[in-house]
Amino acid sequence: MNAPLTPEQQENAYLARLGDRVRAWRTSHRTTRKQLAAASGVSERYLAQLEAGEGNISVLLLRKVARAMGVTVESLVHEEQAQEKPIALVGLRGAGKSTLGSRLAEALKVPFIELDREIEKEAGARLGEVFAMYGQDAYRRFERRALERVLAQAGREVIATGGSLVTDSDNYRLLRERCLCVWLKTSPEEHMARVIAQGDMRPFSGKMQGQGRSAALDEIRKLLHDRDDLYRRADVVLDTSGKSARVSLAELRSLVTP
């Protein structure tokens, strides 16, 4: 039987886990230590010590690092096991949230939830009708209620979110605080091909009908560019470009399970 850790050993282990979280975030977001140092105003040397588990970081410095990472201090230092948190998939339509989300849930033996369907339950109407009848502000309220209801459920689950959820700061903050967020990204061309294959061009239908596929592809590129900083606030980034669903699922599973 192993002897219990001393208080000093517990503190060292905690600092090591904190450093692992910062380093894992940099890796998944493809951010260098130099870039994070510049964004946070914390020295590169200090960040190196933090990631090595040797940084006795102050609350104010940790706050600067968390701000630069786009996460809350609470989420950075929280000791809740990642395997107990819901997994939320974010990304533009066609990224593979429904396909990979359902398969991941099946592999993990947890429920799979499409937030769009839950919003329709709240509104009592299809998504297109929600926008037409109530408008964007009402849609966000329905989205918030659906999200709160889903997150109130006990146990782990995989949630596929709508592509625009990240543009609502309050709803996205709640999602990031309560879930392990994964950005599923792919190239604009693959987004386009997958959306066409699904037969659902929302939100690109106007472009498709009025100006053709070239204009729709330009719209996808613009949406990806405009939302890049928001999507990158996810805990994990998985690029599915040029990968089969089987390969992407294996990579996703390795990212969200210990």
C-alpha atoms as a PDB file:
ATOM      1  CA  MET A   1       0.000   0.000   0.000  1.00  0.00           C
ATOM      2  CA  ASN A   2       1.406   3.395  -0.989  1.00  0.00           C
ATOM      3  CA  ALA A   3       2.081   5.944   1.730  1.00  0.00           C
ATOM      4  CA  PRO A   4      -0.094   9.094   1.567  1.00  0.00           C
ATOM      5  CA  LEU A   5       1.489  12.129  -0.049  1.00  0.00           C
ATOM      6  CA  THR A   6       2.963  14.754   2.208  1.00  0.00           C
ATOM      7  CA  PRO A   7       1.540  18.309   1.988  1.00  0.00           C
ATOM      8  CA  GLU A   8       4.610  19.359  -0.006  1.00  0.00           C
ATOM      9  CA  GLN A   9       4.178  16.466  -2.434  1.00  0.00           C
ATOM     10  CA  GLN A  10       0.497  17.339  -2.874  1.00  0.00           C
ATOM     11  CA  GLU A  11       1.399  20.949  -3.669  1.00  0.00           C
ATOM     12  CA  ASN A  12       4.040  19.846  -6.172  1.00  0.00           C
ATOM     13  CA  ALA A  13       1.555  17.496  -7.838  1.00  0.00           C
ATOM     14  CA  TYR A  14      -1.004  20.284  -8.070  1.00  0.00           C
ATOM     15  CA  LEU A  15       1.504  22.639  -9.700  1.00  0.00           C
ATOM     16  CA  ALA A  16       2.465  19.886 -12.136  1.00  0.00           C
ATOM     17  CA  ARG A  17      -1.175  19.379 -13.158  1.00  0.00           C
ATOM     18  CA  LEU A  18      -1.617  23.131 -13.594  1.00  0.00           C
ATOM     19  CA  GLY A  19       1.453  23.246 -15.804  1.00  0.00           C
ATOM     20  CA  ASP A  20       0.140  20.299 -17.828  1.00  0.00           C
ATOM     21  CA  ARG A  21      -3.139  22.139 -18.473  1.00  0.00           C
ATOM     22  CA  VAL A  22      -1.362  25.260 -19.730  1.00  0.00           C
ATOM     23  CA  ARG A  23       0.978  23.246 -21.935  1.00  0.00           C
ATOM     24  CA  ALA A  24      -1.894  21.116 -23.296  1.00  0.00           C
ATOM     25  CA  TRP A  25      -3.843  24.276 -24.154  1.00  0.00           C
ATOM     26  CA  ARG A  26      -0.845  25.703 -26.034  1.00  0.00           C
ATOM     27  CA  THR A  27      -0.373  22.469 -27.948  1.00  0.00           C
ATOM     28  CA  SER A  28      -4.025  22.138 -28.978  1.00  0.00           C
ATOM     29  CA  HIS A  29      -4.188  25.816 -29.978  1.00  0.00           C
ATOM     30  CA  ARG A  30      -0.821  25.729 -31.739  1.00  0.00           C
ATOM     31  CA  THR A  31       0.402  28.656 -29.672  1.00  0.00           C
ATOM     32  CA  THR A  32       4.076  29.087 -28.794  1.00  0.00           C
ATOM     33  CA  ARG A  33       5.207  29.993 -25.310  1.00  0.00           C
ATOM     34  CA  LYS A  34       6.527  33.242 -26.751  1.00  0.00           C
ATOM     35  CA  GLN A  35       3.098  34.098 -28.182  1.00  0.00           C
ATOM     36  CA  LEU A  36       1.324  33.328 -24.902  1.00  0.00           C
ATOM     37  CA  ALA A  37       3.908  35.386 -22.994  1.00  0.00           C
ATOM     38  CA  ALA A  38       3.302  38.370 -25.280  1.00  0.00           C
ATOM     39  CA  ALA A  39      -0.484  38.049 -25.010  1.00  0.00           C
ATOM     40  CA  SER A  40      -0.491  37.683 -21.222  1.00  0.00           C
ATOM     41  CA  GLY A  41       2.316  40.065 -20.255  1.00  0.00           C
ATOM     42  CA  VAL A  42       3.903  37.255 -18.242  1.00  0.00           C
ATOM     43  CA  SER A  43       7.537  36.489 -19.005  1.00  0.00           C
ATOM     44  CA  GLU A  44       8.381  33.537 -21.223  1.00  0.00           C
ATOM     45  CA  ARG A  45      10.737  32.287 -18.533  1.00  0.00           C
ATOM     46  CA  TYR A  46       7.980  32.312 -15.942  1.00  0.00           C
ATOM     47  CA  LEU A  47       5.635  30.451 -18.282  1.00  0.00           C
ATOM     48  CA  ALA A  48       8.341  27.827 -18.770  1.00  0.00           C
ATOM     49  CA  GLN A  49       8.575  27.418 -14.996  1.00  0.00           C
ATOM     50  CA  LEU A  50       4.785  27.209 -14.739  1.00  0.00           C
ATOM     51  CA  GLU A  51       4.573  24.484 -17.389  1.00  0.00           C
ATOM     52  CA  ALA A  52       7.398  22.585 -15.694  1.00  0.00           C
ATOM     53  CA  GLY A  53       5.419  22.535 -12.446  1.00  0.00           C
ATOM     54  CA  GLU A  54       7.883  24.848 -10.763  1.00  0.00           C
ATOM     55  CA  GLY A  55       5.940  28.102 -10.870  1.00  0.00           C
ATOM     56  CA  ASN A  56       4.592  29.267  -7.531  1.00  0.00           C
ATOM     57  CA  ILE A  57       2.308  31.583  -9.474  1.00  0.00           C
ATOM     58  CA  SER A  58       0.418  34.436  -7.860  1.00  0.00           C
ATOM     59  CA  VAL A  59      -3.319  34.916  -8.382  1.00  0.00           C
ATOM     60  CA  LEU A  60      -2.771  38.092 -10.411  1.00  0.00           C
ATOM     61  CA  LEU A  61      -0.268  36.475 -12.754  1.00  0.00           C
ATOM     62  CA  LEU A  62      -2.501  33.434 -13.180  1.00  0.00           C
ATOM     63  CA  ARG A  63      -5.381  35.782 -14.012  1.00  0.00           C
ATOM     64  CA  LYS A  64      -3.305  37.354 -16.788  1.00  0.00           C
ATOM     65  CA  VAL A  65      -2.438  33.951 -18.234  1.00  0.00           C
ATOM     66  CA  ALA A  66      -6.061  32.793 -18.084  1.00  0.00           C
ATOM     67  CA  ARG A  67      -7.243  35.964 -19.826  1.00  0.00           C
ATOM     68  CA  ALA A  68      -4.725  35.488 -22.624  1.00  0.00           C
ATOM     69  CA  MET A  69      -5.866  31.877 -23.027  1.00  0.00           C
ATOM     70  CA  GLY A  70      -9.496  32.962 -23.147  1.00  0.00           C
ATOM     71  CA  VAL A  71     -10.480  30.783 -20.187  1.00  0.00           C
ATOM     72  CA  THR A  72     -11.582  31.514 -16.638  1.00  0.00           C
ATOM     73  CA  VAL A  73      -9.170  31.204 -13.717  1.00  0.00           C
ATOM     74  CA  GLU A  74     -11.676  28.796 -12.159  1.00  0.00           C
ATOM     75  CA  SER A  75     -11.596  26.441 -15.145  1.00  0.00           C
ATOM     76  CA  LEU A  76      -7.806  26.553 -15.220  1.00  0.00           C
ATOM     77  CA  VAL A  77      -7.307  25.604 -11.569  1.00  0.00           C
ATOM     78  CA  HIS A  78     -10.408  23.455 -11.058  1.00  0.00           C
ATOM     79  CA  GLU A  79      -9.527  19.904 -10.052  1.00  0.00           C
ATOM     80  CA  GLU A  80     -12.652  18.211 -11.427  1.00  0.00           C
ATOM     81  CA  GLN A  81     -11.658  15.186 -13.469  1.00  0.00           C
ATOM     82  CA  ALA A  82     -12.010  15.810 -17.207  1.00  0.00           C
ATOM     83  CA  GLN A  83     -13.638  12.418 -17.704  1.00  0.00           C
ATOM     84  CA  GLU A  84     -16.592  13.550 -15.542  1.00  0.00           C
ATOM     85  CA  LYS A  85     -17.401  16.664 -17.570  1.00  0.00           C
ATOM     86  CA  PRO A  86     -19.747  16.772 -20.547  1.00  0.00           C
ATOM     87  CA  ILE A  87     -17.976  16.966 -23.901  1.00  0.00           C
ATOM     88  CA  ALA A  88     -19.191  19.826 -26.092  1.00  0.00           C
ATOM     89  CA  LEU A  89     -18.334  19.907 -29.787  1.00  0.00           C
ATOM     90  CA  VAL A  90     -18.194  23.326 -31.435  1.00  0.00           C
ATOM     91  CA  GLY A  91     -17.510  24.291 -35.019  1.00  0.00           C
ATOM     92  CA  LEU A  92     -19.138  25.384 -38.237  1.00  0.00           C
ATOM     93  CA  ARG A  93     -21.759  23.234 -39.953  1.00  0.00           C
ATOM     94  CA  GLY A  94     -20.068  20.366 -41.758  1.00  0.00           C
ATOM     95  CA  ALA A  95     -17.234  19.983 -39.239  1.00  0.00           C
ATOM     96  CA  GLY A  96     -18.475  16.533 -38.200  1.00  0.00           C
ATOM     97  CA  LYS A  97     -20.117  17.369 -34.873  1.00  0.00           C
ATOM     98  CA  SER A  98     -23.136  15.108 -35.392  1.00  0.00           C
ATOM     99  CA  THR A  99     -21.252  12.241 -37.028  1.00  0.00           C
ATOM    100  CA  LEU A 100     -18.301  12.178 -34.648  1.00  0.00           C
ATOM    101  CA  GLY A 101     -20.393  13.199 -31.650  1.00  0.00           C
ATOM    102  CA  SER A 102     -22.815  10.292 -32.003  1.00  0.00           C
ATOM    103  CA  ARG A 103     -19.982   7.810 -32.543  1.00  0.00           C
ATOM    104  CA  LEU A 104     -17.994   9.184 -29.618  1.00  0.00           C
ATOM    105  CA  ALA A 105     -21.030   8.929 -27.351  1.00  0.00           C
ATOM    106  CA  GLU A 106     -21.569   5.346 -28.468  1.00  0.00           C
ATOM    107  CA  ALA A 107     -17.920   4.497 -27.782  1.00  0.00           C
ATOM    108  CA  LEU A 108     -18.031   6.114 -24.336  1.00  0.00           C
ATOM    109  CA  LYS A 109     -21.496   4.678 -23.619  1.00  0.00           C
ATOM    110  CA  VAL A 110     -22.948   8.094 -22.760  1.00  0.00           C
ATOM    111  CA  PRO A 111     -25.933  10.036 -24.162  1.00  0.00           C
ATOM    112  CA  PHE A 112     -25.557  12.050 -27.352  1.00  0.00           C
ATOM    113  CA  ILE A 113     -27.418  15.351 -27.521  1.00  0.00           C
ATOM    114  CA  GLU A 114     -27.859  17.675 -30.481  1.00  0.00           C
ATOM    115  CA  LEU A 115     -28.484  21.091 -29.002  1.00  0.00           C
ATOM    116  CA  ASP A 116     -30.442  22.220 -32.089  1.00  0.00           C
ATOM    117  CA  ARG A 117     -33.070  19.556 -31.374  1.00  0.00           C
ATOM    118  CA  GLU A 118     -33.277  20.694 -27.741  1.00  0.00           C
ATOM    119  CA  ILE A 119     -33.780  24.297 -28.874  1.00  0.00           C
ATOM    120  CA  GLU A 120     -36.653  23.128 -31.075  1.00  0.00           C
ATOM    121  CA  LYS A 121     -38.209  21.446 -28.031  1.00  0.00           C
ATOM    122  CA  GLU A 122     -37.981  24.693 -26.071  1.00  0.00           C
ATOM    123  CA  ALA A 123     -39.479  26.748 -28.906  1.00  0.00           C
ATOM    124  CA  GLY A 124     -42.003  24.186 -30.095  1.00  0.00           C
ATOM    125  CA  ALA A 125     -40.904  24.820 -33.694  1.00  0.00           C
ATOM    126  CA  ARG A 126     -38.218  23.951 -36.227  1.00  0.00           C
ATOM    127  CA  LEU A 127     -35.102  26.120 -36.173  1.00  0.00           C
ATOM    128  CA  GLY A 128     -35.972  27.913 -39.409  1.00  0.00           C
ATOM    129  CA  GLU A 129     -39.389  28.768 -38.011  1.00  0.00           C
ATOM    130  CA  VAL A 130     -37.850  29.977 -34.735  1.00  0.00           C
ATOM    131  CA  PHE A 131     -35.787  32.575 -36.589  1.00  0.00           C
ATOM    132  CA  ALA A 132     -38.682  33.559 -38.843  1.00  0.00           C
ATOM    133  CA  MET A 133     -41.244  33.907 -36.056  1.00  0.00           C
ATOM    134  CA  TYR A 134     -39.185  35.116 -33.117  1.00  0.00           C
ATOM    135  CA  GLY A 135     -35.875  36.496 -34.395  1.00  0.00           C
ATOM    136  CA  GLN A 136     -32.257  36.164 -33.276  1.00  0.00           C
ATOM    137  CA  ASP A 137     -32.679  37.426 -29.701  1.00  0.00           C
ATOM    138  CA  ALA A 138     -35.453  34.961 -28.945  1.00  0.00           C
ATOM    139  CA  TYR A 139     -33.432  32.159 -30.502  1.00  0.00           C
ATOM    140  CA  ARG A 140     -30.590  32.905 -28.093  1.00  0.00           C
ATOM    141  CA  ARG A 141     -32.988  32.745 -25.156  1.00  0.00           C
ATOM    142  CA  PHE A 142     -34.271  29.363 -26.317  1.00  0.00           C
ATOM    143  CA  GLU A 143     -30.659  28.247 -26.774  1.00  0.00           C
ATOM    144  CA  ARG A 144     -29.787  29.338 -23.243  1.00  0.00           C
ATOM    145  CA  ARG A 145     -32.746  27.498 -21.720  1.00  0.00           C
ATOM    146  CA  ALA A 146     -31.962  24.359 -23.707  1.00  0.00           C
ATOM    147  CA  LEU A 147     -28.298  24.521 -22.698  1.00  0.00           C
ATOM    148  CA  GLU A 148     -29.085  24.994 -19.019  1.00  0.00           C
ATOM    149  CA  ARG A 149     -31.532  22.088 -19.101  1.00  0.00           C
ATOM    150  CA  VAL A 150     -29.045  19.787 -20.825  1.00  0.00           C
ATOM    151  CA  LEU A 151     -26.228  20.707 -18.442  1.00  0.00           C
ATOM    152  CA  ALA A 152     -28.481  20.136 -15.439  1.00  0.00           C
ATOM    153  CA  GLN A 153     -28.718  16.458 -16.322  1.00  0.00           C
ATOM    154  CA  ALA A 154     -26.625  14.151 -14.189  1.00  0.00           C
ATOM    155  CA  GLY A 155     -23.710  12.285 -15.723  1.00  0.00           C
ATOM    156  CA  ARG A 156     -21.447  12.728 -18.693  1.00  0.00           C
ATOM    157  CA  GLU A 157     -22.772  13.356 -22.194  1.00  0.00           C
ATOM    158  CA  VAL A 158     -21.602  14.430 -25.646  1.00  0.00           C
ATOM    159  CA  ILE A 159     -23.210  17.631 -26.925  1.00  0.00           C
ATOM    160  CA  ALA A 160     -23.159  18.793 -30.536  1.00  0.00           C
ATOM    161  CA  THR A 161     -23.741  22.550 -30.531  1.00  0.00           C
ATOM    162  CA  GLY A 162     -24.916  24.901 -33.246  1.00  0.00           C
ATOM    163  CA  GLY A 163     -22.200  26.590 -35.271  1.00  0.00           C
ATOM    164  CA  SER A 164     -23.137  30.077 -34.101  1.00  0.00           C
ATOM    165  CA  LEU A 165     -23.298  29.375 -30.347  1.00  0.00           C
ATOM    166  CA  VAL A 166     -19.778  30.753 -29.944  1.00  0.00           C
ATOM    167  CA  THR A 167     -20.984  34.205 -31.050  1.00  0.00           C
ATOM    168  CA  ASP A 168     -23.129  34.553 -27.925  1.00  0.00           C
ATOM    169  CA  SER A 169     -20.671  35.389 -25.163  1.00  0.00           C
ATOM    170  CA  ASP A 170     -22.919  34.339 -22.268  1.00  0.00           C
ATOM    171  CA  ASN A 171     -23.940  30.988 -23.725  1.00  0.00           C
ATOM    172  CA  TYR A 172     -20.392  30.209 -24.834  1.00  0.00           C
ATOM    173  CA  ARG A 173     -19.015  31.138 -21.413  1.00  0.00           C
ATOM    174  CA  LEU A 174     -21.473  28.761 -19.750  1.00  0.00           C
ATOM    175  CA  LEU A 175     -20.530  25.991 -22.169  1.00  0.00           C
ATOM    176  CA  ARG A 176     -16.799  26.468 -21.543  1.00  0.00           C
ATOM    177  CA  GLU A 177     -17.233  26.623 -17.781  1.00  0.00           C
ATOM    178  CA  ARG A 178     -19.236  23.409 -17.587  1.00  0.00           C
ATOM    179  CA  CYS A 179     -17.870  21.300 -20.449  1.00  0.00           C
ATOM    180  CA  LEU A 180     -14.723  20.052 -22.062  1.00  0.00           C
ATOM    181  CA  CYS A 181     -15.038  21.982 -25.325  1.00  0.00           C
ATOM    182  CA  VAL A 182     -13.613  20.589 -28.557  1.00  0.00           C
ATOM    183  CA  TRP A 183     -13.374  22.611 -31.755  1.00  0.00           C
ATOM    184  CA  LEU A 184     -13.820  20.364 -34.751  1.00  0.00           C
ATOM    185  CA  LYS A 185     -12.319  22.243 -37.668  1.00  0.00           C
ATOM    186  CA  THR A 186     -11.757  21.440 -41.306  1.00  0.00           C
ATOM    187  CA  SER A 187     -10.993  23.250 -44.540  1.00  0.00           C
ATOM    188  CA  PRO A 188     -13.619  25.504 -46.178  1.00  0.00           C
ATOM    189  CA  GLU A 189     -13.775  23.107 -49.125  1.00  0.00           C
ATOM    190  CA  GLU A 190     -14.541  20.137 -46.881  1.00  0.00           C
ATOM    191  CA  HIS A 191     -17.140  22.153 -44.997  1.00  0.00           C
ATOM    192  CA  MET A 192     -18.781  22.882 -48.324  1.00  0.00           C
ATOM    193  CA  ALA A 193     -18.690  19.291 -49.557  1.00  0.00           C
ATOM    194  CA  ARG A 194     -20.095  17.897 -46.313  1.00  0.00           C
ATOM    195  CA  VAL A 195     -22.890  20.444 -46.113  1.00  0.00           C
ATOM    196  CA  ILE A 196     -23.922  19.709 -49.701  1.00  0.00           C
ATOM    197  CA  ALA A 197     -23.858  15.975 -48.934  1.00  0.00           C
ATOM    198  CA  GLN A 198     -26.123  16.593 -45.940  1.00  0.00           C
ATOM    199  CA  GLY A 199     -28.580  18.457 -48.160  1.00  0.00           C
ATOM    200  CA  ASP A 200     -28.801  21.295 -45.643  1.00  0.00           C
ATOM    201  CA  MET A 201     -27.176  24.508 -46.857  1.00  0.00           C
ATOM    202  CA  ARG A 202     -28.265  26.575 -43.882  1.00  0.00           C
ATOM    203  CA  PRO A 203     -26.892  29.224 -43.369  1.00  0.00           C
ATOM    204  CA  PHE A 204     -25.552  29.383 -46.916  1.00  0.00           C
ATOM    205  CA  SER A 205     -28.781  28.792 -48.880  1.00  0.00           C
ATOM    206  CA  GLY A 206     -29.139  32.410 -49.976  1.00  0.00           C
ATOM    207  CA  LYS A 207     -25.643  32.426 -51.414  1.00  0.00           C
ATOM    208  CA  MET A 208     -26.187  29.104 -53.154  1.00  0.00           C
ATOM    209  CA  GLN A 209     -29.441  30.173 -54.782  1.00  0.00           C
ATOM    210  CA  GLY A 210     -28.433  33.709 -55.648  1.00  0.00           C
ATOM    211  CA  GLN A 211     -24.765  33.588 -56.641  1.00  0.00           C
ATOM    212  CA  GLY A 212     -23.727  29.941 -56.832  1.00  0.00           C
ATOM    213  CA  ARG A 213     -21.305  27.737 -54.951  1.00  0.00           C
ATOM    214  CA  SER A 214     -18.349  30.094 -55.313  1.00  0.00           C
ATOM    215  CA  ALA A 215     -20.148  32.733 -53.271  1.00  0.00           C
ATOM    216  CA  ALA A 216     -21.209  30.129 -50.700  1.00  0.00           C
ATOM    217  CA  LEU A 217     -17.601  28.968 -50.344  1.00  0.00           C
ATOM    218  CA  ASP A 218     -16.515  32.574 -49.837  1.00  0.00           C
ATOM    219  CA  GLU A 219     -19.162  32.875 -47.126  1.00  0.00           C
ATOM    220  CA  ILE A 220     -17.806  29.779 -45.380  1.00  0.00           C
ATOM    221  CA  ARG A 221     -14.288  31.202 -45.505  1.00  0.00           C
ATOM    222  CA  LYS A 222     -15.527  34.480 -44.016  1.00  0.00           C
ATOM    223  CA  LEU A 223     -17.408  32.730 -41.209  1.00  0.00           C
ATOM    224  CA  LEU A 224     -14.355  30.648 -40.330  1.00  0.00           C
ATOM    225  CA  HIS A 225     -12.150  33.731 -40.344  1.00  0.00           C
ATOM    226  CA  ASP A 226     -14.564  35.813 -38.284  1.00  0.00           C
ATOM    227  CA  ARG A 227     -15.079  33.087 -35.668  1.00  0.00           C
ATOM    228  CA  ASP A 228     -11.517  31.765 -35.522  1.00  0.00           C
ATOM    229  CA  ASP A 229     -10.643  33.522 -32.253  1.00  0.00           C
ATOM    230  CA  LEU A 230     -13.894  32.302 -30.692  1.00  0.00           C
ATOM    231  CA  TYR A 231     -13.538  28.692 -31.750  1.00  0.00           C
ATOM    232  CA  ARG A 232      -9.925  28.667 -30.536  1.00  0.00           C
ATOM    233  CA  ARG A 233     -11.121  29.310 -26.982  1.00  0.00           C
ATOM    234  CA  ALA A 234     -12.174  25.671 -26.859  1.00  0.00           C
ATOM    235  CA  ASP A 235     -10.088  23.418 -24.628  1.00  0.00           C
ATOM    236  CA  VAL A 236      -9.083  21.151 -27.502  1.00  0.00           C
ATOM    237  CA  VAL A 237      -8.748  21.650 -31.260  1.00  0.00           C
ATOM    238  CA  LEU A 238      -9.066  18.733 -33.689  1.00  0.00           C
ATOM    239  CA  ASP A 239      -8.481  19.281 -37.398  1.00  0.00           C
ATOM    240  CA  THR A 240     -10.441  16.695 -39.389  1.00  0.00           C
ATOM    241  CA  SER A 241      -9.266  17.889 -42.823  1.00  0.00           C
ATOM    242  CA  GLY A 242      -8.500  14.999 -45.162  1.00  0.00           C
ATOM    243  CA  LYS A 243      -9.240  12.394 -42.498  1.00  0.00           C
ATOM    244  CA  SER A 244     -11.786   9.624 -42.480  1.00  0.00           C
ATOM    245  CA  ALA A 245     -14.442   9.538 -39.769  1.00  0.00           C
ATOM    246  CA  ARG A 246     -12.712   6.494 -38.273  1.00  0.00           C
ATOM    247  CA  VAL A 247      -9.356   8.268 -37.960  1.00  0.00           C
ATOM    248  CA  SER A 248     -10.950  11.461 -36.638  1.00  0.00           C
ATOM    249  CA  LEU A 249     -12.933   9.487 -34.066  1.00  0.00           C
ATOM    250  CA  ALA A 250      -9.797   7.745 -32.811  1.00  0.00           C
ATOM    251  CA  GLU A 251      -8.007  11.090 -32.450  1.00  0.00           C
ATOM    252  CA  LEU A 252     -11.018  12.677 -30.755  1.00  0.00           C
ATOM    253  CA  ARG A 253     -11.353   9.856 -28.299  1.00  0.00           C
ATOM    254  CA  SER A 254      -7.667  10.089 -27.376  1.00  0.00           C
ATOM    255  CA  LEU A 255      -8.053  13.827 -26.745  1.00  0.00           C
ATOM    256  CA  VAL A 256     -11.040  13.585 -24.396  1.00  0.00           C
ATOM    257  CA  THR A 257     -10.174  10.460 -22.433  1.00  0.00           C
ATOM    258  CA  PRO A 258      -7.191   9.942 -20.137  1.00  0.00           C
END
